[in-house]
Amino acid sequence: MKSVSVEELKKMMDQGKEFKLIDVREPHEYEFVNIGAELIPVSQVFDNTDKIPEDKKVVVMCRSGARSGQVIAALEAQLNYDNLYNLEGGILAWADRIDPSKPKY
């Protein structure tokens, strides 16, 4: 599985690179802390594949990287996506290494 570090994601954001960021956590988690990704909870991913482009880099994130990894594996296996990247360490790594003002849970 392909992945990006939080440092790589921050650089992509700062440079205005074209990509999509999708957060697969639950709404209450997203409301508690987020970094502006589009929210598509795990249970709704397959109902919202029209929101997951196949023609550009898509970074998928969650709290720690586990759920996003599962989503990516499922999308790759069932729908042949090849442009998905897991955010290593998820929002926890972002709070630890990029923005310590973000709360952790």
PDB file of N, CA and C in Angstrom:
ATOM      1  N   MET A   1       0.841  -1.182   0.000  1.00  0.00           N
ATOM      2  CA  MET A   1       0.000   0.000   0.000  1.00  0.00           C
ATOM      3  C   MET A   1       0.884   1.242   0.000  1.00  0.00           C
ATOM      4  N   LYS A   2       0.509   2.182  -0.844  1.00  0.00           N
ATOM      5  CA  LYS A   2       1.250   3.437  -0.904  1.00  0.00           C
ATOM      6  C   LYS A   2       0.838   4.318   0.269  1.00  0.00           C
ATOM      7  N   SER A   3       1.752   5.146   0.721  1.00  0.00           N
ATOM      8  CA  SER A   3       1.440   6.029   1.845  1.00  0.00           C
ATOM      9  C   SER A   3       2.210   7.335   1.707  1.00  0.00           C
ATOM     10  N   VAL A   4       1.767   8.315   2.481  1.00  0.00           N
ATOM     11  CA  VAL A   4       2.485   9.582   2.609  1.00  0.00           C
ATOM     12  C   VAL A   4       2.594   9.898   4.097  1.00  0.00           C
ATOM     13  N   SER A   5       3.670  10.550   4.444  1.00  0.00           N
ATOM     14  CA  SER A   5       3.846  10.993   5.824  1.00  0.00           C
ATOM     15  C   SER A   5       3.099  12.302   6.023  1.00  0.00           C
ATOM     16  N   VAL A   6       2.905  12.680   7.264  1.00  0.00           N
ATOM     17  CA  VAL A   6       2.244  13.964   7.528  1.00  0.00           C
ATOM     18  C   VAL A   6       3.105  15.115   7.010  1.00  0.00           C
ATOM     19  N   GLU A   7       4.423  14.947   7.046  1.00  0.00           N
ATOM     20  CA  GLU A   7       5.307  15.993   6.516  1.00  0.00           C
ATOM     21  C   GLU A   7       5.127  16.136   5.003  1.00  0.00           C
ATOM     22  N   GLU A   8       4.992  15.006   4.305  1.00  0.00           N
ATOM     23  CA  GLU A   8       4.758  15.054   2.857  1.00  0.00           C
ATOM     24  C   GLU A   8       3.410  15.697   2.551  1.00  0.00           C
ATOM     25  N   LEU A   9       2.387  15.360   3.338  1.00  0.00           N
ATOM     26  CA  LEU A   9       1.067  15.955   3.133  1.00  0.00           C
ATOM     27  C   LEU A   9       1.117  17.461   3.348  1.00  0.00           C
ATOM     28  N   LYS A  10       1.760  17.900   4.398  1.00  0.00           N
ATOM     29  CA  LYS A  10       1.883  19.341   4.674  1.00  0.00           C
ATOM     30  C   LYS A  10       2.575  20.041   3.512  1.00  0.00           C
ATOM     31  N   LYS A  11       3.622  19.439   2.980  1.00  0.00           N
ATOM     32  CA  LYS A  11       4.342  20.025   1.847  1.00  0.00           C
ATOM     33  C   LYS A  11       3.435  20.107   0.615  1.00  0.00           C
ATOM     34  N   MET A  12       2.656  19.049   0.368  1.00  0.00           N
ATOM     35  CA  MET A  12       1.718  19.059  -0.757  1.00  0.00           C
ATOM     36  C   MET A  12       0.704  20.194  -0.593  1.00  0.00           C
ATOM     37  N   MET A  13       0.207  20.376   0.628  1.00  0.00           N
ATOM     38  CA  MET A  13      -0.753  21.451   0.898  1.00  0.00           C
ATOM     39  C   MET A  13      -0.108  22.817   0.680  1.00  0.00           C
ATOM     40  N   ASP A  14       1.081  22.995   1.252  1.00  0.00           N
ATOM     41  CA  ASP A  14       1.762  24.283   1.165  1.00  0.00           C
ATOM     42  C   ASP A  14       2.112  24.654  -0.274  1.00  0.00           C
ATOM     43  N   GLN A  15       2.409  23.649  -1.097  1.00  0.00           N
ATOM     44  CA  GLN A  15       2.791  23.887  -2.489  1.00  0.00           C
ATOM     45  C   GLN A  15       1.589  23.954  -3.426  1.00  0.00           C
ATOM     46  N   GLY A  16       0.388  23.757  -2.887  1.00  0.00           N
ATOM     47  CA  GLY A  16      -0.813  23.816  -3.706  1.00  0.00           C
ATOM     48  C   GLY A  16      -0.919  22.687  -4.717  1.00  0.00           C
ATOM     49  N   LYS A  17      -0.342  21.545  -4.386  1.00  0.00           N
ATOM     50  CA  LYS A  17      -0.405  20.386  -5.286  1.00  0.00           C
ATOM     51  C   LYS A  17      -1.860  19.949  -5.454  1.00  0.00           C
ATOM     52  N   GLU A  18      -2.162  19.363  -6.608  1.00  0.00           N
ATOM     53  CA  GLU A  18      -3.517  18.885  -6.854  1.00  0.00           C
ATOM     54  C   GLU A  18      -3.662  17.468  -6.299  1.00  0.00           C
ATOM     55  N   PHE A  19      -4.526  17.327  -5.327  1.00  0.00           N
ATOM     56  CA  PHE A  19      -4.830  16.031  -4.730  1.00  0.00           C
ATOM     57  C   PHE A  19      -6.136  16.176  -3.961  1.00  0.00           C
ATOM     58  N   LYS A  20      -6.679  15.047  -3.545  1.00  0.00           N
ATOM     59  CA  LYS A  20      -7.890  15.064  -2.727  1.00  0.00           C
ATOM     60  C   LYS A  20      -7.563  14.407  -1.404  1.00  0.00           C
ATOM     61  N   LEU A  21      -8.054  15.011  -0.316  1.00  0.00           N
ATOM     62  CA  LEU A  21      -7.855  14.482   1.022  1.00  0.00           C
ATOM     63  C   LEU A  21      -9.208  14.027   1.561  1.00  0.00           C
ATOM     64  N   ILE A  22      -9.292  12.746   1.918  1.00  0.00           N
ATOM     65  CA  ILE A  22     -10.540  12.161   2.412  1.00  0.00           C
ATOM     66  C   ILE A  22     -10.313  11.622   3.817  1.00  0.00           C
ATOM     67  N   ASP A  23     -11.212  11.971   4.716  1.00  0.00           N
ATOM     68  CA  ASP A  23     -11.174  11.531   6.110  1.00  0.00           C
ATOM     69  C   ASP A  23     -12.276  10.499   6.293  1.00  0.00           C
ATOM     70  N   VAL A  24     -11.906   9.287   6.727  1.00  0.00           N
ATOM     71  CA  VAL A  24     -12.896   8.214   6.854  1.00  0.00           C
ATOM     72  C   VAL A  24     -13.338   7.965   8.292  1.00  0.00           C
ATOM     73  N   ARG A  25     -13.044   8.921   9.189  1.00  0.00           N
ATOM     74  CA  ARG A  25     -13.490   8.781  10.577  1.00  0.00           C
ATOM     75  C   ARG A  25     -14.989   9.051  10.672  1.00  0.00           C
ATOM     76  N   GLU A  26     -15.517   8.906  11.865  1.00  0.00           N
ATOM     77  CA  GLU A  26     -16.932   9.166  12.109  1.00  0.00           C
ATOM     78  C   GLU A  26     -17.154  10.673  12.289  1.00  0.00           C
ATOM     79  N   PRO A  27     -18.389  11.150  12.038  1.00  0.00           N
ATOM     80  CA  PRO A  27     -18.663  12.587  12.138  1.00  0.00           C
ATOM     81  C   PRO A  27     -18.260  13.208  13.486  1.00  0.00           C
ATOM     82  N   HIS A  28     -18.512  12.511  14.600  1.00  0.00           N
ATOM     83  CA  HIS A  28     -18.158  13.097  15.900  1.00  0.00           C
ATOM     84  C   HIS A  28     -16.638  13.239  16.052  1.00  0.00           C
ATOM     85  N   GLU A  29     -15.866  12.349  15.446  1.00  0.00           N
ATOM     86  CA  GLU A  29     -14.408  12.466  15.484  1.00  0.00           C
ATOM     87  C   GLU A  29     -13.952  13.660  14.648  1.00  0.00           C
ATOM     88  N   TYR A  30     -14.553  13.785  13.472  1.00  0.00           N
ATOM     89  CA  TYR A  30     -14.229  14.882  12.564  1.00  0.00           C
ATOM     90  C   TYR A  30     -14.555  16.229  13.195  1.00  0.00           C
ATOM     91  N   GLU A  31     -15.699  16.298  13.875  1.00  0.00           N
ATOM     92  CA  GLU A  31     -16.090  17.550  14.534  1.00  0.00           C
ATOM     93  C   GLU A  31     -15.113  17.917  15.650  1.00  0.00           C
ATOM     94  N   PHE A  32     -14.559  16.925  16.313  1.00  0.00           N
ATOM     95  CA  PHE A  32     -13.615  17.167  17.403  1.00  0.00           C
ATOM     96  C   PHE A  32     -12.311  17.747  16.882  1.00  0.00           C
ATOM     97  N   VAL A  33     -11.797  17.193  15.796  1.00  0.00           N
ATOM     98  CA  VAL A  33     -10.547  17.683  15.205  1.00  0.00           C
ATOM     99  C   VAL A  33     -10.473  17.232  13.750  1.00  0.00           C
ATOM    100  N   ASN A  34     -10.112  18.178  12.864  1.00  0.00           N
ATOM    101  CA  ASN A  34      -9.908  17.823  11.455  1.00  0.00           C
ATOM    102  C   ASN A  34      -8.933  18.786  10.812  1.00  0.00           C
ATOM    103  N   ILE A  35      -8.482  18.430   9.624  1.00  0.00           N
ATOM    104  CA  ILE A  35      -7.548  19.295   8.893  1.00  0.00           C
ATOM    105  C   ILE A  35      -8.121  19.689   7.533  1.00  0.00           C
ATOM    106  N   GLY A  36      -9.449  19.692   7.441  1.00  0.00           N
ATOM    107  CA  GLY A  36     -10.103  20.194   6.241  1.00  0.00           C
ATOM    108  C   GLY A  36     -10.337  19.178   5.141  1.00  0.00           C
ATOM    109  N   ALA A  37     -10.187  17.912   5.449  1.00  0.00           N
ATOM    110  CA  ALA A  37     -10.460  16.861   4.461  1.00  0.00           C
ATOM    111  C   ALA A  37     -11.959  16.734   4.236  1.00  0.00           C
ATOM    112  N   GLU A  38     -12.319  16.093   3.141  1.00  0.00           N
ATOM    113  CA  GLU A  38     -13.726  15.770   2.927  1.00  0.00           C
ATOM    114  C   GLU A  38     -14.061  14.546   3.778  1.00  0.00           C
ATOM    115  N   LEU A  39     -15.120  14.634   4.541  1.00  0.00           N
ATOM    116  CA  LEU A  39     -15.526  13.536   5.421  1.00  0.00           C
ATOM    117  C   LEU A  39     -16.383  12.534   4.654  1.00  0.00           C
ATOM    118  N   ILE A  40     -15.896  11.290   4.605  1.00  0.00           N
ATOM    119  CA  ILE A  40     -16.673  10.162   4.086  1.00  0.00           C
ATOM    120  C   ILE A  40     -16.436   9.010   5.055  1.00  0.00           C
ATOM    121  N   PRO A  41     -17.306   8.854   6.064  1.00  0.00           N
ATOM    122  CA  PRO A  41     -17.107   7.789   7.055  1.00  0.00           C
ATOM    123  C   PRO A  41     -16.960   6.413   6.413  1.00  0.00           C
ATOM    124  N   VAL A  42     -16.209   5.545   7.072  1.00  0.00           N
ATOM    125  CA  VAL A  42     -15.936   4.205   6.551  1.00  0.00           C
ATOM    126  C   VAL A  42     -17.208   3.533   6.036  1.00  0.00           C
ATOM    127  N   SER A  43     -18.276   3.593   6.810  1.00  0.00           N
ATOM    128  CA  SER A  43     -19.514   2.900   6.443  1.00  0.00           C
ATOM    129  C   SER A  43     -20.167   3.469   5.184  1.00  0.00           C
ATOM    130  N   GLN A  44     -19.729   4.650   4.745  1.00  0.00           N
ATOM    131  CA  GLN A  44     -20.342   5.297   3.585  1.00  0.00           C
ATOM    132  C   GLN A  44     -19.427   5.358   2.367  1.00  0.00           C
ATOM    133  N   VAL A  45     -18.224   4.813   2.479  1.00  0.00           N
ATOM    134  CA  VAL A  45     -17.249   4.929   1.392  1.00  0.00           C
ATOM    135  C   VAL A  45     -17.779   4.352   0.089  1.00  0.00           C
ATOM    136  N   PHE A  46     -18.303   3.135   0.138  1.00  0.00           N
ATOM    137  CA  PHE A  46     -18.737   2.504  -1.113  1.00  0.00           C
ATOM    138  C   PHE A  46     -19.997   3.132  -1.695  1.00  0.00           C
ATOM    139  N   ASP A  47     -20.728   3.914  -0.898  1.00  0.00           N
ATOM    140  CA  ASP A  47     -21.873   4.662  -1.419  1.00  0.00           C
ATOM    141  C   ASP A  47     -21.451   6.005  -1.992  1.00  0.00           C
ATOM    142  N   ASN A  48     -20.188   6.370  -1.810  1.00  0.00           N
ATOM    143  CA  ASN A  48     -19.710   7.683  -2.239  1.00  0.00           C
ATOM    144  C   ASN A  48     -18.466   7.602  -3.110  1.00  0.00           C
ATOM    145  N   THR A  49     -18.326   6.536  -3.860  1.00  0.00           N
ATOM    146  CA  THR A  49     -17.130   6.408  -4.702  1.00  0.00           C
ATOM    147  C   THR A  49     -17.076   7.487  -5.784  1.00  0.00           C
ATOM    148  N   ASP A  50     -18.225   8.089  -6.091  1.00  0.00           N
ATOM    149  CA  ASP A  50     -18.225   9.194  -7.056  1.00  0.00           C
ATOM    150  C   ASP A  50     -17.448  10.402  -6.522  1.00  0.00           C
ATOM    151  N   LYS A  51     -17.201  10.454  -5.222  1.00  0.00           N
ATOM    152  CA  LYS A  51     -16.436  11.550  -4.616  1.00  0.00           C
ATOM    153  C   LYS A  51     -14.949  11.215  -4.511  1.00  0.00           C
ATOM    154  N   ILE A  52     -14.574  10.021  -4.958  1.00  0.00           N
ATOM    155  CA  ILE A  52     -13.182   9.587  -4.882  1.00  0.00           C
ATOM    156  C   ILE A  52     -12.636   9.523  -6.303  1.00  0.00           C
ATOM    157  N   PRO A  53     -11.928  10.561  -6.746  1.00  0.00           N
ATOM    158  CA  PRO A  53     -11.454  10.588  -8.128  1.00  0.00           C
ATOM    159  C   PRO A  53     -10.427   9.491  -8.410  1.00  0.00           C
ATOM    160  N   GLU A  54     -10.395   9.079  -9.656  1.00  0.00           N
ATOM    161  CA  GLU A  54      -9.428   8.074 -10.079  1.00  0.00           C
ATOM    162  C   GLU A  54      -8.298   8.695 -10.888  1.00  0.00           C
ATOM    163  N   ASP A  55      -8.400  10.002 -11.155  1.00  0.00           N
ATOM    164  CA  ASP A  55      -7.441  10.642 -12.052  1.00  0.00           C
ATOM    165  C   ASP A  55      -6.461  11.583 -11.345  1.00  0.00           C
ATOM    166  N   LYS A  56      -6.432  11.560 -10.013  1.00  0.00           N
ATOM    167  CA  LYS A  56      -5.441  12.330  -9.276  1.00  0.00           C
ATOM    168  C   LYS A  56      -5.154  11.649  -7.944  1.00  0.00           C
ATOM    169  N   LYS A  57      -4.098  12.095  -7.304  1.00  0.00           N
ATOM    170  CA  LYS A  57      -3.693  11.506  -6.026  1.00  0.00           C
ATOM    171  C   LYS A  57      -4.779  11.742  -4.986  1.00  0.00           C
ATOM    172  N   VAL A  58      -5.106  10.675  -4.251  1.00  0.00           N
ATOM    173  CA  VAL A  58      -6.093  10.750  -3.174  1.00  0.00           C
ATOM    174  C   VAL A  58      -5.414  10.253  -1.901  1.00  0.00           C
ATOM    175  N   VAL A  59      -5.377  11.124  -0.893  1.00  0.00           N
ATOM    176  CA  VAL A  59      -4.820  10.759   0.408  1.00  0.00           C
ATOM    177  C   VAL A  59      -5.999  10.455   1.328  1.00  0.00           C
ATOM    178  N   VAL A  60      -5.980   9.265   1.933  1.00  0.00           N
ATOM    179  CA  VAL A  60      -7.057   8.832   2.818  1.00  0.00           C
ATOM    180  C   VAL A  60      -6.510   8.814   4.241  1.00  0.00           C
ATOM    181  N   MET A  61      -7.271   9.387   5.164  1.00  0.00           N
ATOM    182  CA  MET A  61      -6.800   9.505   6.546  1.00  0.00           C
ATOM    183  C   MET A  61      -7.862   9.081   7.539  1.00  0.00           C
ATOM    184  N   CYS A  62      -7.403   8.781   8.745  1.00  0.00           N
ATOM    185  CA  CYS A  62      -8.286   8.490   9.871  1.00  0.00           C
ATOM    186  C   CYS A  62      -7.558   8.931  11.138  1.00  0.00           C
ATOM    187  N   ARG A  63      -7.839   8.296  12.249  1.00  0.00           N
ATOM    188  CA  ARG A  63      -7.189   8.686  13.504  1.00  0.00           C
ATOM    189  C   ARG A  63      -5.722   8.280  13.523  1.00  0.00           C
ATOM    190  N   SER A  64      -5.437   7.020  13.177  1.00  0.00           N
ATOM    191  CA  SER A  64      -4.064   6.523  13.291  1.00  0.00           C
ATOM    192  C   SER A  64      -3.516   5.898  12.013  1.00  0.00           C
ATOM    193  N   GLY A  65      -4.351   5.690  11.029  1.00  0.00           N
ATOM    194  CA  GLY A  65      -3.925   5.076   9.781  1.00  0.00           C
ATOM    195  C   GLY A  65      -4.476   3.680   9.552  1.00  0.00           C
ATOM    196  N   ALA A  66      -5.107   3.088  10.567  1.00  0.00           N
ATOM    197  CA  ALA A  66      -5.625   1.720  10.435  1.00  0.00           C
ATOM    198  C   ALA A  66      -6.879   1.663   9.568  1.00  0.00           C
ATOM    199  N   ARG A  67      -7.878   2.456   9.906  1.00  0.00           N
ATOM    200  CA  ARG A  67      -9.132   2.427   9.139  1.00  0.00           C
ATOM    201  C   ARG A  67      -8.913   2.879   7.703  1.00  0.00           C
ATOM    202  N   SER A  68      -8.111   3.924   7.534  1.00  0.00           N
ATOM    203  CA  SER A  68      -7.851   4.398   6.176  1.00  0.00           C
ATOM    204  C   SER A  68      -7.133   3.318   5.365  1.00  0.00           C
ATOM    205  N   GLY A  69      -6.251   2.577   6.004  1.00  0.00           N
ATOM    206  CA  GLY A  69      -5.583   1.469   5.324  1.00  0.00           C
ATOM    207  C   GLY A  69      -6.565   0.390   4.892  1.00  0.00           C
ATOM    208  N   GLN A  70      -7.531   0.093   5.742  1.00  0.00           N
ATOM    209  CA  GLN A  70      -8.550  -0.902   5.410  1.00  0.00           C
ATOM    210  C   GLN A  70      -9.410  -0.425   4.246  1.00  0.00           C
ATOM    211  N   VAL A  71      -9.769   0.854   4.256  1.00  0.00           N
ATOM    212  CA  VAL A  71     -10.569   1.422   3.166  1.00  0.00           C
ATOM    213  C   VAL A  71      -9.802   1.341   1.856  1.00  0.00           C
ATOM    214  N   ILE A  72      -8.538   1.712   1.887  1.00  0.00           N
ATOM    215  CA  ILE A  72      -7.722   1.674   0.670  1.00  0.00           C
ATOM    216  C   ILE A  72      -7.619   0.244   0.152  1.00  0.00           C
ATOM    217  N   ALA A  73      -7.341  -0.704   1.027  1.00  0.00           N
ATOM    218  CA  ALA A  73      -7.235  -2.107   0.606  1.00  0.00           C
ATOM    219  C   ALA A  73      -8.524  -2.577  -0.056  1.00  0.00           C
ATOM    220  N   ALA A  74      -9.669  -2.210   0.520  1.00  0.00           N
ATOM    221  CA  ALA A  74     -10.957  -2.618  -0.041  1.00  0.00           C
ATOM    222  C   ALA A  74     -11.210  -1.954  -1.396  1.00  0.00           C
ATOM    223  N   LEU A  75     -10.934  -0.669  -1.509  1.00  0.00           N
ATOM    224  CA  LEU A  75     -11.152   0.033  -2.779  1.00  0.00           C
ATOM    225  C   LEU A  75     -10.220  -0.500  -3.863  1.00  0.00           C
ATOM    226  N   GLU A  76      -8.986  -0.786  -3.504  1.00  0.00           N
ATOM    227  CA  GLU A  76      -8.045  -1.336  -4.481  1.00  0.00           C
ATOM    228  C   GLU A  76      -8.482  -2.725  -4.932  1.00  0.00           C
ATOM    229  N   ALA A  77      -8.906  -3.553  -3.988  1.00  0.00           N
ATOM    230  CA  ALA A  77      -9.292  -4.928  -4.312  1.00  0.00           C
ATOM    231  C   ALA A  77     -10.593  -4.995  -5.105  1.00  0.00           C
ATOM    232  N   GLN A  78     -11.570  -4.193  -4.726  1.00  0.00           N
ATOM    233  CA  GLN A  78     -12.898  -4.314  -5.328  1.00  0.00           C
ATOM    234  C   GLN A  78     -13.116  -3.411  -6.528  1.00  0.00           C
ATOM    235  N   LEU A  79     -12.461  -2.255  -6.550  1.00  0.00           N
ATOM    236  CA  LEU A  79     -12.719  -1.292  -7.626  1.00  0.00           C
ATOM    237  C   LEU A  79     -11.464  -0.904  -8.400  1.00  0.00           C
ATOM    238  N   ASN A  80     -10.359  -1.550  -8.103  1.00  0.00           N
ATOM    239  CA  ASN A  80      -9.104  -1.352  -8.841  1.00  0.00           C
ATOM    240  C   ASN A  80      -8.530   0.061  -8.792  1.00  0.00           C
ATOM    241  N   TYR A  81      -8.782   0.777  -7.716  1.00  0.00           N
ATOM    242  CA  TYR A  81      -8.129   2.080  -7.551  1.00  0.00           C
ATOM    243  C   TYR A  81      -6.628   1.857  -7.463  1.00  0.00           C
ATOM    244  N   ASP A  82      -5.849   2.786  -8.040  1.00  0.00           N
ATOM    245  CA  ASP A  82      -4.388   2.685  -7.937  1.00  0.00           C
ATOM    246  C   ASP A  82      -3.749   4.027  -7.589  1.00  0.00           C
ATOM    247  N   ASN A  83      -4.567   4.960  -7.120  1.00  0.00           N
ATOM    248  CA  ASN A  83      -4.088   6.314  -6.836  1.00  0.00           C
ATOM    249  C   ASN A  83      -4.342   6.723  -5.386  1.00  0.00           C
ATOM    250  N   LEU A  84      -4.478   5.727  -4.501  1.00  0.00           N
ATOM    251  CA  LEU A  84      -4.806   6.001  -3.106  1.00  0.00           C
ATOM    252  C   LEU A  84      -3.561   5.884  -2.228  1.00  0.00           C
ATOM    253  N   TYR A  85      -3.431   6.824  -1.294  1.00  0.00           N
ATOM    254  CA  TYR A  85      -2.288   6.876  -0.390  1.00  0.00           C
ATOM    255  C   TYR A  85      -2.796   6.981   1.041  1.00  0.00           C
ATOM    256  N   ASN A  86      -2.260   6.154   1.909  1.00  0.00           N
ATOM    257  CA  ASN A  86      -2.649   6.179   3.312  1.00  0.00           C
ATOM    258  C   ASN A  86      -1.818   7.231   4.046  1.00  0.00           C
ATOM    259  N   LEU A  87      -2.470   8.047   4.869  1.00  0.00           N
ATOM    260  CA  LEU A  87      -1.738   9.016   5.684  1.00  0.00           C
ATOM    261  C   LEU A  87      -1.164   8.286   6.889  1.00  0.00           C
ATOM    262  N   GLU A  88       0.148   8.136   6.915  1.00  0.00           N
ATOM    263  CA  GLU A  88       0.831   7.412   7.981  1.00  0.00           C
ATOM    264  C   GLU A  88       0.591   8.085   9.332  1.00  0.00           C
ATOM    265  N   GLY A  89       0.010   7.349  10.262  1.00  0.00           N
ATOM    266  CA  GLY A  89      -0.206   7.867  11.612  1.00  0.00           C
ATOM    267  C   GLY A  89      -1.439   8.730  11.775  1.00  0.00           C
ATOM    268  N   GLY A  90      -2.130   9.046  10.685  1.00  0.00           N
ATOM    269  CA  GLY A  90      -3.379   9.784  10.732  1.00  0.00           C
ATOM    270  C   GLY A  90      -3.316  11.120  11.450  1.00  0.00           C
ATOM    271  N   ILE A  91      -4.463  11.518  11.981  1.00  0.00           N
ATOM    272  CA  ILE A  91      -4.580  12.813  12.656  1.00  0.00           C
ATOM    273  C   ILE A  91      -3.698  12.864  13.904  1.00  0.00           C
ATOM    274  N   LEU A  92      -3.418  11.713  14.507  1.00  0.00           N
ATOM    275  CA  LEU A  92      -2.534  11.714  15.680  1.00  0.00           C
ATOM    276  C   LEU A  92      -1.124  12.154  15.301  1.00  0.00           C
ATOM    277  N   ALA A  93      -0.616  11.649  14.185  1.00  0.00           N
ATOM    278  CA  ALA A  93       0.718  12.048  13.726  1.00  0.00           C
ATOM    279  C   ALA A  93       0.722  13.516  13.329  1.00  0.00           C
ATOM    280  N   TRP A  94      -0.373  13.981  12.734  1.00  0.00           N
ATOM    281  CA  TRP A  94      -0.480  15.396  12.348  1.00  0.00           C
ATOM    282  C   TRP A  94      -0.369  16.272  13.607  1.00  0.00           C
ATOM    283  N   ALA A  95      -1.097  15.898  14.648  1.00  0.00           N
ATOM    284  CA  ALA A  95      -1.066  16.668  15.898  1.00  0.00           C
ATOM    285  C   ALA A  95       0.316  16.596  16.548  1.00  0.00           C
ATOM    286  N   ASP A  96       0.971  15.450  16.465  1.00  0.00           N
ATOM    287  CA  ASP A  96       2.297  15.295  17.074  1.00  0.00           C
ATOM    288  C   ASP A  96       3.379  16.067  16.330  1.00  0.00           C
ATOM    289  N   ARG A  97       3.343  16.012  14.988  1.00  0.00           N
ATOM    290  CA  ARG A  97       4.497  16.482  14.223  1.00  0.00           C
ATOM    291  C   ARG A  97       4.270  17.728  13.383  1.00  0.00           C
ATOM    292  N   ILE A  98       3.012  18.098  13.146  1.00  0.00           N
ATOM    293  CA  ILE A  98       2.743  19.271  12.302  1.00  0.00           C
ATOM    294  C   ILE A  98       2.078  20.388  13.080  1.00  0.00           C
ATOM    295  N   ASP A  99       1.008  20.076  13.798  1.00  0.00           N
ATOM    296  CA  ASP A  99       0.229  21.105  14.484  1.00  0.00           C
ATOM    297  C   ASP A  99      -0.147  20.650  15.896  1.00  0.00           C
ATOM    298  N   PRO A 100       0.735  20.903  16.863  1.00  0.00           N
ATOM    299  CA  PRO A 100       0.471  20.475  18.231  1.00  0.00           C
ATOM    300  C   PRO A 100      -0.753  21.132  18.876  1.00  0.00           C
ATOM    301  N   SER A 101      -1.313  22.164  18.240  1.00  0.00           N
ATOM    302  CA  SER A 101      -2.524  22.782  18.792  1.00  0.00           C
ATOM    303  C   SER A 101      -3.755  21.912  18.536  1.00  0.00           C
ATOM    304  N   LYS A 102      -3.648  20.939  17.657  1.00  0.00           N
ATOM    305  CA  LYS A 102      -4.786  20.050  17.381  1.00  0.00           C
ATOM    306  C   LYS A 102      -4.945  19.087  18.555  1.00  0.00           C
ATOM    307  N   PRO A 103      -6.169  18.954  19.063  1.00  0.00           N
ATOM    308  CA  PRO A 103      -6.390  18.027  20.193  1.00  0.00           C
ATOM    309  C   PRO A 103      -6.286  16.580  19.733  1.00  0.00           C
ATOM    310  N   LYS A 104      -5.880  15.728  20.649  1.00  0.00           N
ATOM    311  CA  LYS A 104      -5.789  14.290  20.369  1.00  0.00           C
ATOM    312  C   LYS A 104      -6.807  13.546  21.221  1.00  0.00           C
ATOM    313  N   TYR A 105      -7.224  12.409  20.741  1.00  0.00           N
ATOM    314  CA  TYR A 105      -8.188  11.575  21.468  1.00  0.00           C
ATOM    315  C   TYR A 105      -7.834  10.122  21.289  1.00  0.00           C
TER     316      TYR A 105
END
